[in-house]
Amino acid sequence: MSTSNWTCPPAHTFIPATPGDRRSPCPALNALANHGYLPRNGQNIGLWHLIRAVQEVYNLSFIFAALLALAGVLLCGHAFHLDLDALAIHNKIEHDASLVHANALGQQRAPTEVDPKLLESFLSYADPRRGMSLYDLAQVRISREAQLARPLDFIHSQIGAGEAALCWLLLKQDSGRILSSTLLQWYGEERLPDNWARPRHIIGLLNARTKAVEVANIMSSLKKSTCRGPPTSSNFNVSFLGLRTTLKCDS
């Protein structure tokens, strides 16, 4: 397990969101609000406050934390402040094929509540004893994107790969896998998982980008191997760990 001297202090106990609190489609930010590192109501979060919270809890470099925070504030915020639910505005940063959130389906904003069926499907990709690898996360992304009526655009497909990569960097054990219990608490309960500690090494922009490219390459390789050969139809079914999906292959 990644270890460090950091532990969640008593002042930042987990309190789930209450009615009226604002939350986003991002489990990392929702966990920060549920533990009080961000305002628990999820409203009017200043840019500097957001940067410092992400740095303190997740051990991101200042440049990487500032880039993520600035993107959120500039695209979805107001006067260098941000309400978490504004991050759900469809096709700004938020996108279809989320790991545990339903698609916007024509609405201006995507749901911010965790979808139980998507959560269950997501967790099914993890080995019950060993957990989930980066390769497994790439498989989930393929499955989610294969269910779309139209593919994600390039920017949002890259965001999706980046989200999977950052999840792995933040939650993985030294084995390179994430325990199912950790995924359930972070994605399902939107809390900092029990017995979790922030990464011992600072996560920088280059590190995150390298892993995002690795996720994208795994996805590309899997798609090519699945679609190799002359298909009888442009669409056909594939199965990943019992979950059947439809892949669209170019003839």
C-alpha atoms as a PDB file:
ATOM      1  CA  MET A   1       0.000   0.000   0.000  1.00  0.00           C
ATOM      2  CA  SER A   2       1.129   3.537  -0.656  1.00  0.00           C
ATOM      3  CA  THR A   3       2.008   4.949   2.722  1.00  0.00           C
ATOM      4  CA  SER A   4       2.902   8.329   4.140  1.00  0.00           C
ATOM      5  CA  ASN A   5       2.802  10.146   7.472  1.00  0.00           C
ATOM      6  CA  TRP A   6      -0.510  11.742   6.456  1.00  0.00           C
ATOM      7  CA  THR A   7      -3.724  10.507   8.033  1.00  0.00           C
ATOM      8  CA  CYS A   8      -7.189  11.991   8.017  1.00  0.00           C
ATOM      9  CA  PRO A   9      -7.386  14.067  11.233  1.00  0.00           C
ATOM     10  CA  PRO A  10     -10.418  13.985  13.562  1.00  0.00           C
ATOM     11  CA  ALA A  11     -11.393  17.493  12.447  1.00  0.00           C
ATOM     12  CA  HIS A  12     -12.086  16.066   9.002  1.00  0.00           C
ATOM     13  CA  THR A  13     -14.417  13.229   9.852  1.00  0.00           C
ATOM     14  CA  PHE A  14     -16.633  11.890   7.090  1.00  0.00           C
ATOM     15  CA  ILE A  15     -20.138  13.406   6.966  1.00  0.00           C
ATOM     16  CA  PRO A  16     -22.246  12.496   3.913  1.00  0.00           C
ATOM     17  CA  ALA A  17     -23.838  15.270   1.903  1.00  0.00           C
ATOM     18  CA  THR A  18     -27.193  16.474   3.211  1.00  0.00           C
ATOM     19  CA  PRO A  19     -30.135  17.785   1.162  1.00  0.00           C
ATOM     20  CA  GLY A  20     -29.182  21.134  -0.320  1.00  0.00           C
ATOM     21  CA  ASP A  21     -25.454  20.413  -0.419  1.00  0.00           C
ATOM     22  CA  ARG A  22     -23.882  20.687  -3.867  1.00  0.00           C
ATOM     23  CA  ARG A  23     -21.885  17.800  -5.271  1.00  0.00           C
ATOM     24  CA  SER A  24     -20.139  17.055  -8.563  1.00  0.00           C
ATOM     25  CA  PRO A  25     -19.639  13.990 -10.768  1.00  0.00           C
ATOM     26  CA  CYS A  26     -16.067  13.807  -9.390  1.00  0.00           C
ATOM     27  CA  PRO A  27     -15.543  11.446  -6.416  1.00  0.00           C
ATOM     28  CA  ALA A  28     -12.235  13.111  -5.515  1.00  0.00           C
ATOM     29  CA  LEU A  29     -13.826  16.523  -4.960  1.00  0.00           C
ATOM     30  CA  ASN A  30     -16.968  15.120  -3.345  1.00  0.00           C
ATOM     31  CA  ALA A  31     -14.798  13.249  -0.836  1.00  0.00           C
ATOM     32  CA  LEU A  32     -12.980  16.483  -0.005  1.00  0.00           C
ATOM     33  CA  ALA A  33     -16.307  18.186   0.681  1.00  0.00           C
ATOM     34  CA  ASN A  34     -17.641  15.233   2.697  1.00  0.00           C
ATOM     35  CA  HIS A  35     -14.524  15.394   4.889  1.00  0.00           C
ATOM     36  CA  GLY A  36     -14.586  19.185   5.244  1.00  0.00           C
ATOM     37  CA  TYR A  37     -11.430  19.978   3.272  1.00  0.00           C
ATOM     38  CA  LEU A  38     -13.759  21.918   0.993  1.00  0.00           C
ATOM     39  CA  PRO A  39     -16.920  23.653   2.231  1.00  0.00           C
ATOM     40  CA  ARG A  40     -19.307  20.874   3.167  1.00  0.00           C
ATOM     41  CA  ASN A  41     -22.146  22.580   1.315  1.00  0.00           C
ATOM     42  CA  GLY A  42     -20.055  22.470  -1.880  1.00  0.00           C
ATOM     43  CA  GLN A  43     -20.666  26.131  -2.658  1.00  0.00           C
ATOM     44  CA  ASN A  44     -18.564  29.186  -3.482  1.00  0.00           C
ATOM     45  CA  ILE A  45     -15.204  27.430  -3.307  1.00  0.00           C
ATOM     46  CA  GLY A  46     -12.323  29.792  -4.006  1.00  0.00           C
ATOM     47  CA  LEU A  47      -9.626  28.857  -6.488  1.00  0.00           C
ATOM     48  CA  TRP A  48      -6.825  28.947  -3.923  1.00  0.00           C
ATOM     49  CA  HIS A  49      -8.865  26.906  -1.422  1.00  0.00           C
ATOM     50  CA  LEU A  50      -9.469  24.277  -4.098  1.00  0.00           C
ATOM     51  CA  ILE A  51      -5.786  24.084  -5.036  1.00  0.00           C
ATOM     52  CA  ARG A  52      -4.626  23.751  -1.443  1.00  0.00           C
ATOM     53  CA  ALA A  53      -7.180  21.047  -0.567  1.00  0.00           C
ATOM     54  CA  VAL A  54      -6.245  18.920  -3.564  1.00  0.00           C
ATOM     55  CA  GLN A  55      -2.548  19.314  -2.770  1.00  0.00           C
ATOM     56  CA  GLU A  56      -2.926  18.521   0.928  1.00  0.00           C
ATOM     57  CA  VAL A  57      -5.068  15.405   0.619  1.00  0.00           C
ATOM     58  CA  TYR A  58      -4.037  13.889  -2.711  1.00  0.00           C
ATOM     59  CA  ASN A  59      -0.396  15.047  -2.831  1.00  0.00           C
ATOM     60  CA  LEU A  60      -0.589  16.576  -6.299  1.00  0.00           C
ATOM     61  CA  SER A  61       2.105  19.001  -7.367  1.00  0.00           C
ATOM     62  CA  PHE A  62       1.185  22.670  -7.203  1.00  0.00           C
ATOM     63  CA  ILE A  63       1.285  22.986 -10.995  1.00  0.00           C
ATOM     64  CA  PHE A  64      -0.948  19.954 -11.537  1.00  0.00           C
ATOM     65  CA  ALA A  65      -3.395  20.941  -8.781  1.00  0.00           C
ATOM     66  CA  ALA A  66      -3.528  24.519 -10.081  1.00  0.00           C
ATOM     67  CA  LEU A  67      -4.136  23.363 -13.650  1.00  0.00           C
ATOM     68  CA  LEU A  68      -7.040  21.107 -12.636  1.00  0.00           C
ATOM     69  CA  ALA A  69      -8.565  23.727 -10.346  1.00  0.00           C
ATOM     70  CA  LEU A  70      -8.186  26.524 -12.873  1.00  0.00           C
ATOM     71  CA  ALA A  71      -9.822  24.449 -15.612  1.00  0.00           C
ATOM     72  CA  GLY A  72     -12.812  23.767 -13.371  1.00  0.00           C
ATOM     73  CA  VAL A  73     -13.179  27.383 -12.261  1.00  0.00           C
ATOM     74  CA  LEU A  74     -12.736  28.923 -15.706  1.00  0.00           C
ATOM     75  CA  LEU A  75     -15.047  26.478 -17.495  1.00  0.00           C
ATOM     76  CA  CYS A  76     -17.724  26.046 -14.831  1.00  0.00           C
ATOM     77  CA  GLY A  77     -17.175  28.683 -12.163  1.00  0.00           C
ATOM     78  CA  HIS A  78     -17.832  32.340 -11.503  1.00  0.00           C
ATOM     79  CA  ALA A  79     -15.431  35.082 -10.400  1.00  0.00           C
ATOM     80  CA  PHE A  80     -12.727  32.515  -9.571  1.00  0.00           C
ATOM     81  CA  HIS A  81     -15.115  30.563  -7.364  1.00  0.00           C
ATOM     82  CA  LEU A  82     -16.861  27.261  -7.983  1.00  0.00           C
ATOM     83  CA  ASP A  83     -20.013  25.442  -6.896  1.00  0.00           C
ATOM     84  CA  LEU A  84     -19.372  21.718  -7.146  1.00  0.00           C
ATOM     85  CA  ASP A  85     -22.620  20.967  -8.981  1.00  0.00           C
ATOM     86  CA  ALA A  86     -21.559  23.300 -11.817  1.00  0.00           C
ATOM     87  CA  LEU A  87     -19.010  20.651 -12.796  1.00  0.00           C
ATOM     88  CA  ALA A  88     -21.991  18.535 -13.896  1.00  0.00           C
ATOM     89  CA  ILE A  89     -22.739  20.878 -16.812  1.00  0.00           C
ATOM     90  CA  HIS A  90     -22.763  18.499 -19.742  1.00  0.00           C
ATOM     91  CA  ASN A  91     -19.823  18.389 -22.147  1.00  0.00           C
ATOM     92  CA  LYS A  92     -17.736  21.053 -20.499  1.00  0.00           C
ATOM     93  CA  ILE A  93     -15.550  18.870 -18.294  1.00  0.00           C
ATOM     94  CA  GLU A  94     -18.291  16.316 -17.555  1.00  0.00           C
ATOM     95  CA  HIS A  95     -18.901  13.767 -20.296  1.00  0.00           C
ATOM     96  CA  ASP A  96     -20.954  10.687 -21.100  1.00  0.00           C
ATOM     97  CA  ALA A  97     -19.584   7.226 -20.253  1.00  0.00           C
ATOM     98  CA  SER A  98     -18.773   8.083 -16.645  1.00  0.00           C
ATOM     99  CA  LEU A  99     -17.629   5.164 -14.526  1.00  0.00           C
ATOM    100  CA  VAL A 100     -20.403   5.419 -11.912  1.00  0.00           C
ATOM    101  CA  HIS A 101     -22.711   8.238 -13.037  1.00  0.00           C
ATOM    102  CA  ALA A 102     -25.531   8.075 -15.567  1.00  0.00           C
ATOM    103  CA  ASN A 103     -25.339  10.054 -18.799  1.00  0.00           C
ATOM    104  CA  ALA A 104     -26.973  13.472 -19.158  1.00  0.00           C
ATOM    105  CA  LEU A 105     -29.505  12.126 -21.715  1.00  0.00           C
ATOM    106  CA  GLY A 106     -30.277  15.512 -23.210  1.00  0.00           C
ATOM    107  CA  GLN A 107     -30.306  17.395 -19.918  1.00  0.00           C
ATOM    108  CA  GLN A 108     -28.125  20.444 -19.321  1.00  0.00           C
ATOM    109  CA  ARG A 109     -26.479  18.731 -16.360  1.00  0.00           C
ATOM    110  CA  ALA A 110     -25.562  15.129 -15.717  1.00  0.00           C
ATOM    111  CA  PRO A 111     -26.695  13.378 -12.522  1.00  0.00           C
ATOM    112  CA  THR A 112     -24.336  13.805  -9.576  1.00  0.00           C
ATOM    113  CA  GLU A 113     -25.751  10.869  -7.610  1.00  0.00           C
ATOM    114  CA  VAL A 114     -23.919   7.562  -7.952  1.00  0.00           C
ATOM    115  CA  ASP A 115     -25.826   5.079 -10.109  1.00  0.00           C
ATOM    116  CA  PRO A 116     -25.983   1.777  -8.136  1.00  0.00           C
ATOM    117  CA  LYS A 117     -26.055  -0.409 -11.255  1.00  0.00           C
ATOM    118  CA  LEU A 118     -23.067   1.355 -12.813  1.00  0.00           C
ATOM    119  CA  LEU A 119     -21.200   1.108  -9.507  1.00  0.00           C
ATOM    120  CA  GLU A 120     -21.883  -2.623  -9.317  1.00  0.00           C
ATOM    121  CA  SER A 121     -20.780  -3.082 -12.922  1.00  0.00           C
ATOM    122  CA  PHE A 122     -17.622  -1.059 -12.296  1.00  0.00           C
ATOM    123  CA  LEU A 123     -16.659  -3.092  -9.228  1.00  0.00           C
ATOM    124  CA  SER A 124     -17.193  -6.346 -11.149  1.00  0.00           C
ATOM    125  CA  TYR A 125     -13.982  -5.625 -13.071  1.00  0.00           C
ATOM    126  CA  ALA A 126     -11.921  -5.898  -9.878  1.00  0.00           C
ATOM    127  CA  ASP A 127     -10.497  -9.242  -8.801  1.00  0.00           C
ATOM    128  CA  PRO A 128     -12.181 -10.027  -5.451  1.00  0.00           C
ATOM    129  CA  ARG A 129      -8.819 -10.611  -3.727  1.00  0.00           C
ATOM    130  CA  ARG A 130      -6.274  -8.620  -5.740  1.00  0.00           C
ATOM    131  CA  GLY A 131      -8.366  -5.616  -6.758  1.00  0.00           C
ATOM    132  CA  MET A 132      -8.331  -3.540  -9.929  1.00  0.00           C
ATOM    133  CA  SER A 133      -5.347  -2.807 -12.180  1.00  0.00           C
ATOM    134  CA  LEU A 134      -4.749  -0.017 -14.675  1.00  0.00           C
ATOM    135  CA  TYR A 135      -5.550  -2.548 -17.403  1.00  0.00           C
ATOM    136  CA  ASP A 136      -8.906  -3.260 -15.727  1.00  0.00           C
ATOM    137  CA  LEU A 137      -9.693   0.458 -15.593  1.00  0.00           C
ATOM    138  CA  ALA A 138      -9.005   0.694 -19.322  1.00  0.00           C
ATOM    139  CA  GLN A 139     -11.427  -2.188 -19.899  1.00  0.00           C
ATOM    140  CA  VAL A 140     -14.137  -0.357 -17.955  1.00  0.00           C
ATOM    141  CA  ARG A 141     -13.600   2.726 -20.095  1.00  0.00           C
ATOM    142  CA  ILE A 142     -13.965   0.648 -23.273  1.00  0.00           C
ATOM    143  CA  SER A 143     -17.176  -0.897 -21.964  1.00  0.00           C
ATOM    144  CA  ARG A 144     -18.685   2.475 -21.011  1.00  0.00           C
ATOM    145  CA  GLU A 145     -17.769   4.159 -24.289  1.00  0.00           C
ATOM    146  CA  ALA A 146     -18.977   1.184 -26.346  1.00  0.00           C
ATOM    147  CA  GLN A 147     -22.494   1.735 -25.030  1.00  0.00           C
ATOM    148  CA  LEU A 148     -22.733   5.274 -26.441  1.00  0.00           C
ATOM    149  CA  ALA A 149     -24.792   6.017 -29.534  1.00  0.00           C
ATOM    150  CA  ARG A 150     -21.949   8.201 -30.766  1.00  0.00           C
ATOM    151  CA  PRO A 151     -18.300   8.170 -29.685  1.00  0.00           C
ATOM    152  CA  LEU A 152     -16.865  10.717 -27.300  1.00  0.00           C
ATOM    153  CA  ASP A 153     -15.051  13.568 -28.981  1.00  0.00           C
ATOM    154  CA  PHE A 154     -11.261  13.589 -28.723  1.00  0.00           C
ATOM    155  CA  ILE A 155     -11.087  16.005 -25.777  1.00  0.00           C
ATOM    156  CA  HIS A 156     -13.590  14.126 -23.629  1.00  0.00           C
ATOM    157  CA  SER A 157     -12.104  10.738 -24.489  1.00  0.00           C
ATOM    158  CA  GLN A 158      -8.772  12.098 -23.258  1.00  0.00           C
ATOM    159  CA  ILE A 159     -10.433  13.403 -20.093  1.00  0.00           C
ATOM    160  CA  GLY A 160     -11.907   9.941 -19.507  1.00  0.00           C
ATOM    161  CA  ALA A 161      -8.500   8.300 -19.857  1.00  0.00           C
ATOM    162  CA  GLY A 162      -7.009  10.921 -17.551  1.00  0.00           C
ATOM    163  CA  GLU A 163      -9.652  10.287 -14.890  1.00  0.00           C
ATOM    164  CA  ALA A 164      -8.909   6.551 -14.938  1.00  0.00           C
ATOM    165  CA  ALA A 165      -5.177   7.218 -14.714  1.00  0.00           C
ATOM    166  CA  LEU A 166      -5.564   9.626 -11.789  1.00  0.00           C
ATOM    167  CA  CYS A 167      -7.806   7.169  -9.947  1.00  0.00           C
ATOM    168  CA  TRP A 168      -5.068   4.542 -10.255  1.00  0.00           C
ATOM    169  CA  LEU A 169      -2.301   6.915  -9.165  1.00  0.00           C
ATOM    170  CA  LEU A 170      -4.252   8.067  -6.102  1.00  0.00           C
ATOM    171  CA  LEU A 171      -5.644   4.773  -4.846  1.00  0.00           C
ATOM    172  CA  LYS A 172      -3.274   1.986  -5.893  1.00  0.00           C
ATOM    173  CA  GLN A 173      -1.332  -0.177  -3.500  1.00  0.00           C
ATOM    174  CA  ASP A 174       2.332  -0.989  -4.078  1.00  0.00           C
ATOM    175  CA  SER A 175       1.122  -4.037  -6.044  1.00  0.00           C
ATOM    176  CA  GLY A 176      -0.277  -1.682  -8.674  1.00  0.00           C
ATOM    177  CA  ARG A 177      -3.856  -2.661  -7.850  1.00  0.00           C
ATOM    178  CA  ILE A 178      -6.718  -0.924  -6.048  1.00  0.00           C
ATOM    179  CA  LEU A 179      -8.684  -2.909  -3.491  1.00  0.00           C
ATOM    180  CA  SER A 180     -12.404  -3.346  -4.168  1.00  0.00           C
ATOM    181  CA  SER A 181     -13.199  -1.944  -0.712  1.00  0.00           C
ATOM    182  CA  THR A 182     -11.203   1.190  -1.537  1.00  0.00           C
ATOM    183  CA  LEU A 183     -13.060   1.658  -4.828  1.00  0.00           C
ATOM    184  CA  LEU A 184     -16.418   1.126  -3.129  1.00  0.00           C
ATOM    185  CA  GLN A 185     -15.744   3.757  -0.480  1.00  0.00           C
ATOM    186  CA  TRP A 186     -14.221   6.328  -2.837  1.00  0.00           C
ATOM    187  CA  TYR A 187     -16.655   5.963  -5.749  1.00  0.00           C
ATOM    188  CA  GLY A 188     -19.724   4.612  -3.972  1.00  0.00           C
ATOM    189  CA  GLU A 189     -19.648   6.482  -0.653  1.00  0.00           C
ATOM    190  CA  GLU A 190     -17.511   9.436  -1.807  1.00  0.00           C
ATOM    191  CA  ARG A 191     -15.236   9.255   1.202  1.00  0.00           C
ATOM    192  CA  LEU A 192     -11.509   8.874   1.826  1.00  0.00           C
ATOM    193  CA  PRO A 193     -11.184   5.099   2.160  1.00  0.00           C
ATOM    194  CA  ASP A 194     -10.327   3.325   5.407  1.00  0.00           C
ATOM    195  CA  ASN A 195      -6.632   2.431   5.745  1.00  0.00           C
ATOM    196  CA  TRP A 196      -5.829   4.624   2.742  1.00  0.00           C
ATOM    197  CA  ALA A 197      -3.018   7.152   2.760  1.00  0.00           C
ATOM    198  CA  ARG A 198      -2.182   9.688   0.113  1.00  0.00           C
ATOM    199  CA  PRO A 199       0.560   8.699  -2.357  1.00  0.00           C
ATOM    200  CA  ARG A 200       4.020   8.901  -0.796  1.00  0.00           C
ATOM    201  CA  HIS A 201       5.403  10.663  -3.882  1.00  0.00           C
ATOM    202  CA  ILE A 202       4.034  13.889  -5.330  1.00  0.00           C
ATOM    203  CA  ILE A 203       1.906  13.283  -8.420  1.00  0.00           C
ATOM    204  CA  GLY A 204       2.936  15.734 -11.106  1.00  0.00           C
ATOM    205  CA  LEU A 205       1.450  16.683 -14.447  1.00  0.00           C
ATOM    206  CA  LEU A 206       3.955  14.614 -16.419  1.00  0.00           C
ATOM    207  CA  ASN A 207       3.346  11.533 -14.294  1.00  0.00           C
ATOM    208  CA  ALA A 208      -0.417  11.830 -14.706  1.00  0.00           C
ATOM    209  CA  ARG A 209      -0.141  12.478 -18.430  1.00  0.00           C
ATOM    210  CA  THR A 210       2.109   9.446 -18.916  1.00  0.00           C
ATOM    211  CA  LYS A 211      -0.421   7.181 -17.210  1.00  0.00           C
ATOM    212  CA  ALA A 212      -3.309   8.700 -19.160  1.00  0.00           C
ATOM    213  CA  VAL A 213      -1.484   7.922 -22.402  1.00  0.00           C
ATOM    214  CA  GLU A 214      -0.925   4.380 -21.115  1.00  0.00           C
ATOM    215  CA  VAL A 215      -4.667   3.987 -20.500  1.00  0.00           C
ATOM    216  CA  ALA A 216      -5.430   5.309 -23.984  1.00  0.00           C
ATOM    217  CA  ASN A 217      -2.876   2.928 -25.518  1.00  0.00           C
ATOM    218  CA  ILE A 218      -4.321  -0.066 -23.659  1.00  0.00           C
ATOM    219  CA  MET A 219      -7.780   0.884 -24.896  1.00  0.00           C
ATOM    220  CA  SER A 220      -6.549   1.259 -28.457  1.00  0.00           C
ATOM    221  CA  SER A 221      -4.761  -2.088 -28.340  1.00  0.00           C
ATOM    222  CA  LEU A 222      -7.805  -3.872 -26.927  1.00  0.00           C
ATOM    223  CA  LYS A 223     -10.087  -2.369 -29.539  1.00  0.00           C
ATOM    224  CA  LYS A 224      -7.755  -3.367 -32.367  1.00  0.00           C
ATOM    225  CA  SER A 225      -7.407  -6.922 -31.115  1.00  0.00           C
ATOM    226  CA  THR A 226     -11.164  -7.229 -30.686  1.00  0.00           C
ATOM    227  CA  CYS A 227     -11.930  -5.753 -34.093  1.00  0.00           C
ATOM    228  CA  ARG A 228      -9.190  -7.572 -36.025  1.00  0.00           C
ATOM    229  CA  GLY A 229     -10.447  -9.430 -39.059  1.00  0.00           C
ATOM    230  CA  PRO A 230     -13.348  -8.716 -41.398  1.00  0.00           C
ATOM    231  CA  PRO A 231     -16.480  -8.282 -39.251  1.00  0.00           C
ATOM    232  CA  THR A 232     -19.787  -9.402 -40.691  1.00  0.00           C
ATOM    233  CA  SER A 233     -21.386  -6.281 -39.285  1.00  0.00           C
ATOM    234  CA  SER A 234     -20.103  -2.920 -38.125  1.00  0.00           C
ATOM    235  CA  ASN A 235     -21.403  -3.752 -34.656  1.00  0.00           C
ATOM    236  CA  PHE A 236     -20.890  -6.908 -32.637  1.00  0.00           C
ATOM    237  CA  ASN A 237     -21.016  -8.060 -29.038  1.00  0.00           C
ATOM    238  CA  VAL A 238     -17.999  -8.624 -26.817  1.00  0.00           C
ATOM    239  CA  SER A 239     -17.817  -9.646 -23.185  1.00  0.00           C
ATOM    240  CA  PHE A 240     -15.536  -8.263 -20.484  1.00  0.00           C
ATOM    241  CA  LEU A 241     -15.717 -10.233 -17.221  1.00  0.00           C
ATOM    242  CA  GLY A 242     -19.328 -11.159 -17.800  1.00  0.00           C
ATOM    243  CA  LEU A 243     -20.556  -7.719 -18.888  1.00  0.00           C
ATOM    244  CA  ARG A 244     -21.749  -7.792 -22.465  1.00  0.00           C
ATOM    245  CA  THR A 245     -21.306  -4.673 -24.558  1.00  0.00           C
ATOM    246  CA  THR A 246     -21.313  -3.643 -28.182  1.00  0.00           C
ATOM    247  CA  LEU A 247     -18.179  -2.444 -29.900  1.00  0.00           C
ATOM    248  CA  LYS A 248     -18.286  -0.492 -33.125  1.00  0.00           C
ATOM    249  CA  CYS A 249     -15.449  -1.325 -35.471  1.00  0.00           C
ATOM    250  CA  ASP A 250     -14.383   0.377 -38.638  1.00  0.00           C
ATOM    251  CA  SER A 251     -14.465  -1.984 -41.600  1.00  0.00           C
END
